[in-house]
PDB file of N, CA and C in Angstrom:
ATOM      1  N   MET A   1      82.375 144.216 118.522  1.00  0.00           N
ATOM      2  CA  MET A   1      81.760 143.591 117.373  1.00  0.00           C
ATOM      3  C   MET A   1      82.706 142.515 116.827  1.00  0.00           C
ATOM      4  N   VAL A   2      82.169 141.328 116.585  1.00  0.00           N
ATOM      5  CA  VAL A   2      82.955 140.224 116.064  1.00  0.00           C
ATOM      6  C   VAL A   2      82.953 140.294 114.542  1.00  0.00           C
ATOM      7  N   GLU A   3      84.152 140.258 113.981  1.00  0.00           N
ATOM      8  CA  GLU A   3      84.287 140.300 112.529  1.00  0.00           C
ATOM      9  C   GLU A   3      84.226 138.872 111.991  1.00  0.00           C
ATOM     10  N   THR A   4      83.342 138.633 111.044  1.00  0.00           N
ATOM     11  CA  THR A   4      83.275 137.313 110.425  1.00  0.00           C
ATOM     12  C   THR A   4      83.968 137.380 109.080  1.00  0.00           C
ATOM     13  N   ARG A   5      84.673 136.339 108.773  1.00  0.00           N
ATOM     14  CA  ARG A   5      85.392 136.270 107.504  1.00  0.00           C
ATOM     15  C   ARG A   5      84.783 135.173 106.659  1.00  0.00           C
ATOM     16  N   THR A   6      84.616 135.486 105.403  1.00  0.00           N
ATOM     17  CA  THR A   6      84.128 134.469 104.492  1.00  0.00           C
ATOM     18  C   THR A   6      85.322 133.715 103.917  1.00  0.00           C
ATOM     19  N   THR A   7      85.117 132.467 103.619  1.00  0.00           N
ATOM     20  CA  THR A   7      86.171 131.646 103.047  1.00  0.00           C
ATOM     21  C   THR A   7      86.342 132.025 101.584  1.00  0.00           C
ATOM     22  N   PRO A   8      87.574 132.348 101.162  1.00  0.00           N
ATOM     23  CA  PRO A   8      87.799 132.704  99.753  1.00  0.00           C
ATOM     24  C   PRO A   8      87.399 131.561  98.819  1.00  0.00           C
ATOM     25  N   ILE A   9      86.917 131.908  97.656  1.00  0.00           N
ATOM     26  CA  ILE A   9      86.439 130.920  96.677  1.00  0.00           C
ATOM     27  C   ILE A   9      87.499 129.872  96.350  1.00  0.00           C
ATOM     28  N   PRO A  10      88.769 130.248  96.094  1.00  0.00           N
ATOM     29  CA  PRO A  10      89.767 129.210  95.801  1.00  0.00           C
ATOM     30  C   PRO A  10      89.951 128.225  96.959  1.00  0.00           C
ATOM     31  N   VAL A  11      89.810 128.695  98.186  1.00  0.00           N
ATOM     32  CA  VAL A  11      89.936 127.810  99.348  1.00  0.00           C
ATOM     33  C   VAL A  11      88.732 126.875  99.413  1.00  0.00           C
ATOM     34  N   ARG A  12      87.543 127.401  99.159  1.00  0.00           N
ATOM     35  CA  ARG A  12      86.337 126.542  99.152  1.00  0.00           C
ATOM     36  C   ARG A  12      86.459 125.454  98.095  1.00  0.00           C
ATOM     37  N   ARG A  13      86.970 125.847  96.917  1.00  0.00           N
ATOM     38  CA  ARG A  13      87.176 124.871  95.839  1.00  0.00           C
ATOM     39  C   ARG A  13      88.159 123.781  96.270  1.00  0.00           C
ATOM     40  N   ALA A  14      89.265 124.196  96.881  1.00  0.00           N
ATOM     41  CA  ALA A  14      90.281 123.241  97.330  1.00  0.00           C
ATOM     42  C   ALA A  14      89.722 122.314  98.410  1.00  0.00           C
ATOM     43  N   LEU A  15      88.911 122.841  99.308  1.00  0.00           N
ATOM     44  CA  LEU A  15      88.286 122.011 100.334  1.00  0.00           C
ATOM     45  C   LEU A  15      87.400 120.933  99.706  1.00  0.00           C
ATOM     46  N   ARG A  16      86.595 121.339  98.720  1.00  0.00           N
ATOM     47  CA  ARG A  16      85.722 120.368  98.038  1.00  0.00           C
ATOM     48  C   ARG A  16      86.550 119.316  97.300  1.00  0.00           C
ATOM     49  N   GLU A  17      87.600 119.770  96.617  1.00  0.00           N
ATOM     50  CA  GLU A  17      88.433 118.841  95.852  1.00  0.00           C
ATOM     51  C   GLU A  17      89.146 117.858  96.781  1.00  0.00           C
ATOM     52  N   LEU A  18      89.706 118.375  97.857  1.00  0.00           N
ATOM     53  CA  LEU A  18      90.385 117.514  98.813  1.00  0.00           C
ATOM     54  C   LEU A  18      89.405 116.530  99.458  1.00  0.00           C
ATOM     55  N   GLY A  19      88.222 117.007  99.777  1.00  0.00           N
ATOM     56  CA  GLY A  19      87.206 116.128 100.354  1.00  0.00           C
ATOM     57  C   GLY A  19      86.814 115.014  99.408  1.00  0.00           C
ATOM     58  N   THR A  20      86.632 115.364  98.145  1.00  0.00           N
ATOM     59  CA  THR A  20      86.310 114.351  97.130  1.00  0.00           C
ATOM     60  C   THR A  20      87.451 113.352  96.998  1.00  0.00           C
ATOM     61  N   ASP A  21      88.692 113.849  97.025  1.00  0.00           N
ATOM     62  CA  ASP A  21      89.846 112.955  96.933  1.00  0.00           C
ATOM     63  C   ASP A  21      89.910 111.995  98.112  1.00  0.00           C
ATOM     64  N   VAL A  22      89.641 112.490  99.306  1.00  0.00           N
ATOM     65  CA  VAL A  22      89.637 111.627 100.496  1.00  0.00           C
ATOM     66  C   VAL A  22      88.574 110.546 100.344  1.00  0.00           C
ATOM     67  N   GLN A  23      87.397 110.945  99.924  1.00  0.00           N
ATOM     68  CA  GLN A  23      86.316 109.973  99.745  1.00  0.00           C
ATOM     69  C   GLN A  23      86.669 108.941  98.673  1.00  0.00           C
ATOM     70  N   THR A  24      87.294 109.391  97.595  1.00  0.00           N
ATOM     71  CA  THR A  24      87.690 108.477  96.517  1.00  0.00           C
ATOM     72  C   THR A  24      88.752 107.499  97.012  1.00  0.00           C
ATOM     73  N   TRP A  25      89.758 108.005  97.751  1.00  0.00           N
ATOM     74  CA  TRP A  25      90.771 107.108  98.324  1.00  0.00           C
ATOM     75  C   TRP A  25      90.105 106.055  99.208  1.00  0.00           C
ATOM     76  N   ARG A  26      89.183 106.503 100.056  1.00  0.00           N
ATOM     77  CA  ARG A  26      88.500 105.579 100.966  1.00  0.00           C
ATOM     78  C   ARG A  26      87.794 104.471 100.195  1.00  0.00           C
ATOM     79  N   LYS A  27      87.086 104.855  99.136  1.00  0.00           N
ATOM     80  CA  LYS A  27      86.346 103.876  98.339  1.00  0.00           C
ATOM     81  C   LYS A  27      87.274 102.963  97.554  1.00  0.00           C
ATOM     82  N   LEU A  28      88.366 103.527  97.007  1.00  0.00           N
ATOM     83  CA  LEU A  28      89.345 102.700  96.294  1.00  0.00           C
ATOM     84  C   LEU A  28      89.950 101.638  97.199  1.00  0.00           C
ATOM     85  N   LEU A  29      90.107 101.978  98.466  1.00  0.00           N
ATOM     86  CA  LEU A  29      90.673 101.039  99.437  1.00  0.00           C
ATOM     87  C   LEU A  29      89.621 100.088 100.007  1.00  0.00           C
ATOM     88  N   GLY A  30      88.358 100.285  99.604  1.00  0.00           N
ATOM     89  CA  GLY A  30      87.290  99.413 100.076  1.00  0.00           C
ATOM     90  C   GLY A  30      86.961  99.598 101.539  1.00  0.00           C
ATOM     91  N   LEU A  31      87.114 100.828 102.032  1.00  0.00           N
ATOM     92  CA  LEU A  31      86.854 101.114 103.441  1.00  0.00           C
ATOM     93  C   LEU A  31      85.553 101.889 103.606  1.00  0.00           C
ATOM     94  N   THR A  32      84.834 101.585 104.659  1.00  0.00           N
ATOM     95  CA  THR A  32      83.628 102.348 104.967  1.00  0.00           C
ATOM     96  C   THR A  32      84.025 103.618 105.707  1.00  0.00           C
ATOM     97  N   ALA A  33      83.090 104.547 105.746  1.00  0.00           N
ATOM     98  CA  ALA A  33      83.329 105.782 106.500  1.00  0.00           C
ATOM     99  C   ALA A  33      83.545 105.453 107.974  1.00  0.00           C
ATOM    100  N   ALA A  34      82.813 104.491 108.482  1.00  0.00           N
ATOM    101  CA  ALA A  34      82.954 104.104 109.887  1.00  0.00           C
ATOM    102  C   ALA A  34      84.347 103.536 110.163  1.00  0.00           C
ATOM    103  N   GLN A  35      84.877 102.747 109.233  1.00  0.00           N
ATOM    104  CA  GLN A  35      86.209 102.176 109.417  1.00  0.00           C
ATOM    105  C   GLN A  35      87.287 103.267 109.435  1.00  0.00           C
ATOM    106  N   VAL A  36      87.205 104.197 108.497  1.00  0.00           N
ATOM    107  CA  VAL A  36      88.204 105.272 108.438  1.00  0.00           C
ATOM    108  C   VAL A  36      88.084 106.165 109.668  1.00  0.00           C
ATOM    109  N   ALA A  37      86.863 106.508 110.046  1.00  0.00           N
ATOM    110  CA  ALA A  37      86.664 107.346 111.229  1.00  0.00           C
ATOM    111  C   ALA A  37      87.237 106.668 112.463  1.00  0.00           C
ATOM    112  N   ASP A  38      87.001 105.371 112.596  1.00  0.00           N
ATOM    113  CA  ASP A  38      87.520 104.629 113.745  1.00  0.00           C
ATOM    114  C   ASP A  38      89.045 104.607 113.731  1.00  0.00           C
ATOM    115  N   ARG A  39      89.636 104.328 112.587  1.00  0.00           N
ATOM    116  CA  ARG A  39      91.102 104.290 112.474  1.00  0.00           C
ATOM    117  C   ARG A  39      91.721 105.667 112.750  1.00  0.00           C
ATOM    118  N   ALA A  40      91.003 106.722 112.391  1.00  0.00           N
ATOM    119  CA  ALA A  40      91.507 108.083 112.587  1.00  0.00           C
ATOM    120  C   ALA A  40      91.151 108.645 113.963  1.00  0.00           C
ATOM    121  N   GLY A  41      90.347 107.912 114.708  1.00  0.00           N
ATOM    122  CA  GLY A  41      89.975 108.336 116.063  1.00  0.00           C
ATOM    123  C   GLY A  41      89.034 109.524 116.073  1.00  0.00           C
ATOM    124  N   MET A  42      88.018 109.474 115.236  1.00  0.00           N
ATOM    125  CA  MET A  42      87.057 110.577 115.155  1.00  0.00           C
ATOM    126  C   MET A  42      85.669 110.024 114.856  1.00  0.00           C
ATOM    127  N   SER A  43      84.688 110.899 114.898  1.00  0.00           N
ATOM    128  CA  SER A  43      83.324 110.492 114.587  1.00  0.00           C
ATOM    129  C   SER A  43      83.121 110.451 113.074  1.00  0.00           C
ATOM    130  N   ARG A  44      82.109 109.717 112.656  1.00  0.00           N
ATOM    131  CA  ARG A  44      81.758 109.699 111.228  1.00  0.00           C
ATOM    132  C   ARG A  44      81.324 111.082 110.777  1.00  0.00           C
ATOM    133  N   ALA A  45      80.713 111.852 111.675  1.00  0.00           N
ATOM    134  CA  ALA A  45      80.268 113.202 111.322  1.00  0.00           C
ATOM    135  C   ALA A  45      81.462 114.095 110.972  1.00  0.00           C
ATOM    136  N   THR A  46      82.562 113.949 111.707  1.00  0.00           N
ATOM    137  CA  THR A  46      83.761 114.741 111.415  1.00  0.00           C
ATOM    138  C   THR A  46      84.361 114.317 110.086  1.00  0.00           C
ATOM    139  N   LEU A  47      84.418 113.014 109.840  1.00  0.00           N
ATOM    140  CA  LEU A  47      84.913 112.528 108.547  1.00  0.00           C
ATOM    141  C   LEU A  47      84.028 113.040 107.420  1.00  0.00           C
ATOM    142  N   HIS A  48      82.724 113.044 107.646  1.00  0.00           N
ATOM    143  CA  HIS A  48      81.795 113.553 106.629  1.00  0.00           C
ATOM    144  C   HIS A  48      82.080 115.032 106.331  1.00  0.00           C
ATOM    145  N   LYS A  49      82.362 115.819 107.368  1.00  0.00           N
ATOM    146  CA  LYS A  49      82.700 117.236 107.154  1.00  0.00           C
ATOM    147  C   LYS A  49      83.900 117.365 106.233  1.00  0.00           C
ATOM    148  N   LEU A  50      84.920 116.538 106.472  1.00  0.00           N
ATOM    149  CA  LEU A  50      86.113 116.585 105.638  1.00  0.00           C
ATOM    150  C   LEU A  50      85.803 116.143 104.214  1.00  0.00           C
ATOM    151  N   GLU A  51      85.105 115.014 104.082  1.00  0.00           N
ATOM    152  CA  GLU A  51      84.802 114.487 102.748  1.00  0.00           C
ATOM    153  C   GLU A  51      83.879 115.392 101.946  1.00  0.00           C
ATOM    154  N   SER A  52      83.038 116.145 102.620  1.00  0.00           N
ATOM    155  CA  SER A  52      82.114 117.025 101.896  1.00  0.00           C
ATOM    156  C   SER A  52      82.691 118.421 101.687  1.00  0.00           C
ATOM    157  N   GLY A  53      83.927 118.641 102.162  1.00  0.00           N
ATOM    158  CA  GLY A  53      84.592 119.914 101.932  1.00  0.00           C
ATOM    159  C   GLY A  53      84.019 121.072 102.720  1.00  0.00           C
ATOM    160  N   GLN A  54      83.474 120.785 103.888  1.00  0.00           N
ATOM    161  CA  GLN A  54      82.843 121.844 104.688  1.00  0.00           C
ATOM    162  C   GLN A  54      83.830 122.779 105.363  1.00  0.00           C
ATOM    163  N   GLY A  55      85.047 122.356 105.580  1.00  0.00           N
ATOM    164  CA  GLY A  55      85.996 123.205 106.289  1.00  0.00           C
ATOM    165  C   GLY A  55      85.784 123.119 107.779  1.00  0.00           C
ATOM    166  N   GLY A  56      86.592 123.845 108.525  1.00  0.00           N
ATOM    167  CA  GLY A  56      86.483 123.821 109.969  1.00  0.00           C
ATOM    168  C   GLY A  56      87.105 122.587 110.594  1.00  0.00           C
ATOM    169  N   VAL A  57      87.697 121.727 109.779  1.00  0.00           N
ATOM    170  CA  VAL A  57      88.365 120.537 110.289  1.00  0.00           C
ATOM    171  C   VAL A  57      89.826 120.910 110.516  1.00  0.00           C
ATOM    172  N   SER A  58      90.376 120.549 111.656  1.00  0.00           N
ATOM    173  CA  SER A  58      91.756 120.928 111.969  1.00  0.00           C
ATOM    174  C   SER A  58      92.746 120.190 111.074  1.00  0.00           C
ATOM    175  N   LEU A  59      93.921 120.748 110.988  1.00  0.00           N
ATOM    176  CA  LEU A  59      94.991 120.115 110.224  1.00  0.00           C
ATOM    177  C   LEU A  59      95.319 118.748 110.808  1.00  0.00           C
ATOM    178  N   GLU A  60      95.333 118.666 112.135  1.00  0.00           N
ATOM    179  CA  GLU A  60      95.604 117.378 112.782  1.00  0.00           C
ATOM    180  C   GLU A  60      94.552 116.341 112.393  1.00  0.00           C
ATOM    181  N   THR A  61      93.301 116.743 112.363  1.00  0.00           N
ATOM    182  CA  THR A  61      92.222 115.826 111.998  1.00  0.00           C
ATOM    183  C   THR A  61      92.409 115.338 110.566  1.00  0.00           C
ATOM    184  N   ALA A  62      92.727 116.246 109.660  1.00  0.00           N
ATOM    185  CA  ALA A  62      92.956 115.857 108.267  1.00  0.00           C
ATOM    186  C   ALA A  62      94.135 114.887 108.179  1.00  0.00           C
ATOM    187  N   LEU A  63      95.209 115.165 108.900  1.00  0.00           N
ATOM    188  CA  LEU A  63      96.373 114.275 108.865  1.00  0.00           C
ATOM    189  C   LEU A  63      96.040 112.894 109.431  1.00  0.00           C
ATOM    190  N   ARG A  64      95.181 112.848 110.425  1.00  0.00           N
ATOM    191  CA  ARG A  64      94.764 111.543 110.966  1.00  0.00           C
ATOM    192  C   ARG A  64      94.027 110.725 109.903  1.00  0.00           C
ATOM    193  N   VAL A  65      93.199 111.394 109.112  1.00  0.00           N
ATOM    194  CA  VAL A  65      92.480 110.708 108.041  1.00  0.00           C
ATOM    195  C   VAL A  65      93.464 110.266 106.957  1.00  0.00           C
ATOM    196  N   PHE A  66      94.380 111.145 106.580  1.00  0.00           N
ATOM    197  CA  PHE A  66      95.379 110.781 105.572  1.00  0.00           C
ATOM    198  C   PHE A  66      96.183 109.560 106.032  1.00  0.00           C
ATOM    199  N   ARG A  67      96.529 109.538 107.310  1.00  0.00           N
ATOM    200  CA  ARG A  67      97.273 108.394 107.862  1.00  0.00           C
ATOM    201  C   ARG A  67      96.430 107.127 107.806  1.00  0.00           C
ATOM    202  N   ALA A  68      95.160 107.232 108.162  1.00  0.00           N
ATOM    203  CA  ALA A  68      94.266 106.074 108.124  1.00  0.00           C
ATOM    204  C   ALA A  68      94.132 105.523 106.705  1.00  0.00           C
ATOM    205  N   LEU A  69      94.261 106.401 105.717  1.00  0.00           N
ATOM    206  CA  LEU A  69      94.170 105.986 104.318  1.00  0.00           C
ATOM    207  C   LEU A  69      95.518 105.570 103.727  1.00  0.00           C
ATOM    208  N   GLY A  70      96.590 105.776 104.495  1.00  0.00           N
ATOM    209  CA  GLY A  70      97.919 105.420 104.019  1.00  0.00           C
ATOM    210  C   GLY A  70      98.526 106.430 103.054  1.00  0.00           C
ATOM    211  N   ILE A  71      98.024 107.671 103.074  1.00  0.00           N
ATOM    212  CA  ILE A  71      98.523 108.690 102.141  1.00  0.00           C
ATOM    213  C   ILE A  71      99.166 109.882 102.843  1.00  0.00           C
ATOM    214  N   MET A  72      99.374 109.784 104.137  1.00  0.00           N
ATOM    215  CA  MET A  72      99.908 110.926 104.871  1.00  0.00           C
ATOM    216  C   MET A  72     101.282 111.340 104.338  1.00  0.00           C
ATOM    217  N   ASP A  73     102.163 110.373 104.074  1.00  0.00           N
ATOM    218  CA  ASP A  73     103.496 110.715 103.587  1.00  0.00           C
ATOM    219  C   ASP A  73     103.434 111.449 102.250  1.00  0.00           C
ATOM    220  N   ILE A  74     102.545 111.021 101.369  1.00  0.00           N
ATOM    221  CA  ILE A  74     102.393 111.675 100.064  1.00  0.00           C
ATOM    222  C   ILE A  74     101.958 113.127 100.248  1.00  0.00           C
ATOM    223  N   VAL A  75     100.991 113.336 101.127  1.00  0.00           N
ATOM    224  CA  VAL A  75     100.469 114.684 101.361  1.00  0.00           C
ATOM    225  C   VAL A  75     101.536 115.581 101.977  1.00  0.00           C
ATOM    226  N   VAL A  76     102.242 115.063 102.972  1.00  0.00           N
ATOM    227  CA  VAL A  76     103.271 115.856 103.639  1.00  0.00           C
ATOM    228  C   VAL A  76     104.405 116.186 102.665  1.00  0.00           C
ATOM    229  N   GLU A  77     104.823 115.214 101.873  1.00  0.00           N
ATOM    230  CA  GLU A  77     105.892 115.453 100.900  1.00  0.00           C
ATOM    231  C   GLU A  77     105.482 116.479  99.850  1.00  0.00           C
ATOM    232  N   SER A  78     104.206 116.523  99.520  1.00  0.00           N
ATOM    233  CA  SER A  78     103.753 117.476  98.495  1.00  0.00           C
ATOM    234  C   SER A  78     103.896 118.921  98.951  1.00  0.00           C
ATOM    235  N   ALA A  79     103.984 119.139 100.262  1.00  0.00           N
ATOM    236  CA  ALA A  79     104.138 120.495 100.792  1.00  0.00           C
ATOM    237  C   ALA A  79     105.601 120.872 101.008  1.00  0.00           C
ATOM    238  N   ASP A  80     106.514 119.951 100.741  1.00  0.00           N
ATOM    239  CA  ASP A  80     107.946 120.208 100.939  1.00  0.00           C
ATOM    240  C   ASP A  80     108.402 121.298  99.972  1.00  0.00           C
ATOM    241  N   PRO A  81     108.853 122.446 100.491  1.00  0.00           N
ATOM    242  CA  PRO A  81     109.235 123.544  99.600  1.00  0.00           C
ATOM    243  C   PRO A  81     110.420 123.209  98.704  1.00  0.00           C
ATOM    244  N   TYR A  82     111.258 122.278  99.114  1.00  0.00           N
ATOM    245  CA  TYR A  82     112.425 121.941  98.304  1.00  0.00           C
ATOM    246  C   TYR A  82     112.090 120.996  97.152  1.00  0.00           C
ATOM    247  N   ARG A  83     110.833 120.610  97.045  1.00  0.00           N
ATOM    248  CA  ARG A  83     110.381 119.825  95.891  1.00  0.00           C
ATOM    249  C   ARG A  83     109.805 120.738  94.803  1.00  0.00           C
ATOM    250  N   SER A  84     109.753 122.040  95.088  1.00  0.00           N
ATOM    251  CA  SER A  84     109.247 123.005  94.112  1.00  0.00           C
ATOM    252  C   SER A  84     110.414 123.616  93.345  1.00  0.00           C
ATOM    253  N   ASP A  85     110.122 124.216  92.205  1.00  0.00           N
ATOM    254  CA  ASP A  85     111.170 124.863  91.412  1.00  0.00           C
ATOM    255  C   ASP A  85     111.882 125.944  92.213  1.00  0.00           C
ATOM    256  N   ILE A  86     111.114 126.817  92.855  1.00  0.00           N
ATOM    257  CA  ILE A  86     111.741 127.908  93.610  1.00  0.00           C
ATOM    258  C   ILE A  86     112.538 127.374  94.795  1.00  0.00           C
ATOM    259  N   GLY A  87     112.045 126.340  95.427  1.00  0.00           N
ATOM    260  CA  GLY A  87     112.774 125.751  96.542  1.00  0.00           C
ATOM    261  C   GLY A  87     114.102 125.170  96.110  1.00  0.00           C
ATOM    262  N   ARG A  88     114.107 124.489  94.959  1.00  0.00           N
ATOM    263  CA  ARG A  88     115.362 123.927  94.455  1.00  0.00           C
ATOM    264  C   ARG A  88     116.326 125.031  94.044  1.00  0.00           C
ATOM    265  N   LEU A  89     115.797 126.086  93.426  1.00  0.00           N
ATOM    266  CA  LEU A  89     116.653 127.196  93.003  1.00  0.00           C
ATOM    267  C   LEU A  89     117.293 127.903  94.189  1.00  0.00           C
ATOM    268  N   ARG A  90     116.553 128.044  95.270  1.00  0.00           N
ATOM    269  CA  ARG A  90     117.044 128.807  96.426  1.00  0.00           C
ATOM    270  C   ARG A  90     117.561 127.916  97.551  1.00  0.00           C
ATOM    271  N   SER A  91     117.729 126.630  97.282  1.00  0.00           N
ATOM    272  CA  SER A  91     118.106 125.689  98.334  1.00  0.00           C
ATOM    273  C   SER A  91     119.484 125.956  98.932  1.00  0.00           C
ATOM    274  N   GLU A  92     120.337 126.625  98.210  1.00  0.00           N
ATOM    275  CA  GLU A  92     121.680 126.911  98.725  1.00  0.00           C
ATOM    276  C   GLU A  92     121.716 128.147  99.615  1.00  0.00           C
ATOM    277  N   GLU A  93     120.662 128.942  99.578  1.00  0.00           N
ATOM    278  CA  GLU A  93     120.618 130.156 100.381  1.00  0.00           C
ATOM    279  C   GLU A  93     120.337 129.825 101.842  1.00  0.00           C
ATOM    280  N   VAL A  94     120.861 130.638 102.719  1.00  0.00           N
ATOM    281  CA  VAL A  94     120.588 130.489 104.148  1.00  0.00           C
ATOM    282  C   VAL A  94     119.268 131.208 104.424  1.00  0.00           C
ATOM    283  N   LEU A  95     118.335 130.475 105.009  1.00  0.00           N
ATOM    284  CA  LEU A  95     117.040 131.071 105.315  1.00  0.00           C
ATOM    285  C   LEU A  95     117.156 131.988 106.521  1.00  0.00           C
ATOM    286  N   PRO A  96     116.482 133.126 106.483  1.00  0.00           N
ATOM    287  CA  PRO A  96     116.509 134.014 107.650  1.00  0.00           C
ATOM    288  C   PRO A  96     115.748 133.374 108.813  1.00  0.00           C
ATOM    289  N   GLN A  97     116.091 133.782 110.028  1.00  0.00           N
ATOM    290  CA  GLN A  97     115.383 133.276 111.202  1.00  0.00           C
ATOM    291  C   GLN A  97     113.930 133.708 111.184  1.00  0.00           C
ATOM    292  N   ARG A  98     113.681 134.943 110.738  1.00  0.00           N
ATOM    293  CA  ARG A  98     112.306 135.428 110.594  1.00  0.00           C
ATOM    294  C   ARG A  98     112.265 136.388 109.427  1.00  0.00           C
ATOM    295  N   VAL A  99     111.096 136.533 108.875  1.00  0.00           N
ATOM    296  CA  VAL A  99     110.888 137.438 107.751  1.00  0.00           C
ATOM    297  C   VAL A  99     110.061 138.605 108.258  1.00  0.00           C
ATOM    298  N   ARG A 100     110.583 139.792 108.086  1.00  0.00           N
ATOM    299  CA  ARG A 100     109.896 140.997 108.547  1.00  0.00           C
ATOM    300  C   ARG A 100     109.314 141.737 107.356  1.00  0.00           C
ATOM    301  N   GLN A 101     108.239 142.434 107.618  1.00  0.00           N
ATOM    302  CA  GLN A 101     107.631 143.246 106.576  1.00  0.00           C
ATOM    303  C   GLN A 101     108.586 144.382 106.231  1.00  0.00           C
ATOM    304  N   SER A 102     108.816 144.568 104.938  1.00  0.00           N
ATOM    305  CA  SER A 102     109.761 145.611 104.539  1.00  0.00           C
ATOM    306  C   SER A 102     109.126 146.983 104.710  1.00  0.00           C
ATOM    307  N   GLN A 103     109.964 147.944 105.064  1.00  0.00           N
ATOM    308  CA  GLN A 103     109.513 149.321 105.242  1.00  0.00           C
ATOM    309  C   GLN A 103     109.551 150.016 103.888  1.00  0.00           C
ATOM    310  N   PRO A 104     108.571 150.872 103.617  1.00  0.00           N
ATOM    311  CA  PRO A 104     108.612 151.603 102.353  1.00  0.00           C
ATOM    312  C   PRO A 104     109.847 152.499 102.312  1.00  0.00           C
ATOM    313  N   LYS A 105     110.459 152.549 101.137  1.00  0.00           N
ATOM    314  CA  LYS A 105     111.662 153.373 100.990  1.00  0.00           C
ATOM    315  C   LYS A 105     111.278 154.837 101.014  1.00  0.00           C
ATOM    316  N   LYS A 106     112.089 155.610 101.731  1.00  0.00           N
ATOM    317  CA  LYS A 106     111.847 157.052 101.817  1.00  0.00           C
ATOM    318  C   LYS A 106     112.427 157.717 100.571  1.00  0.00           C
ATOM    319  N   GLN A 107     111.691 158.666 100.054  1.00  0.00           N
ATOM    320  CA  GLN A 107     112.190 159.416  98.902  1.00  0.00           C
ATOM    321  C   GLN A 107     113.126 160.499  99.394  1.00  0.00           C
ATOM    322  N   ALA A 108     114.189 160.736  98.640  1.00  0.00           N
ATOM    323  CA  ALA A 108     115.150 161.790  99.004  1.00  0.00           C
ATOM    324  C   ALA A 108     114.487 163.145  98.843  1.00  0.00           C
ATOM    325  N   ASP A 109     114.810 164.034  99.760  1.00  0.00           N
ATOM    326  CA  ASP A 109     114.263 165.394  99.662  1.00  0.00           C
ATOM    327  C   ASP A 109     114.790 166.062  98.405  1.00  0.00           C
ATOM    328  N   VAL A 110     113.925 166.701  97.667  1.00  0.00           N
ATOM    329  CA  VAL A 110     114.313 167.363  96.425  1.00  0.00           C
ATOM    330  C   VAL A 110     114.496 168.836  96.641  1.00  0.00           C
TER     331      VAL A 110
END
């Protein structure tokens, strides 16, 4: 049996917001959907999926659109953990090679 997962509401909201932002950037730059799709190397239908917040668009596809709009660097920098408060606070710490799930602590026998 195949398990289907529904997209969490906050993710759906973010998809719609990001799609609206992409469309707004495109219009502010005076570009048609066909021009952006061509520059990003995709179909207008794929660009429409992104702009309408449908999801299912790969990260690479989104980055191609951001690049076509000239905003890829802004988007990538916004995800930089060292630009966040916690990242700056912990920037001197050595990051572990991998993070493992912690084991529950055993209670001492009474």
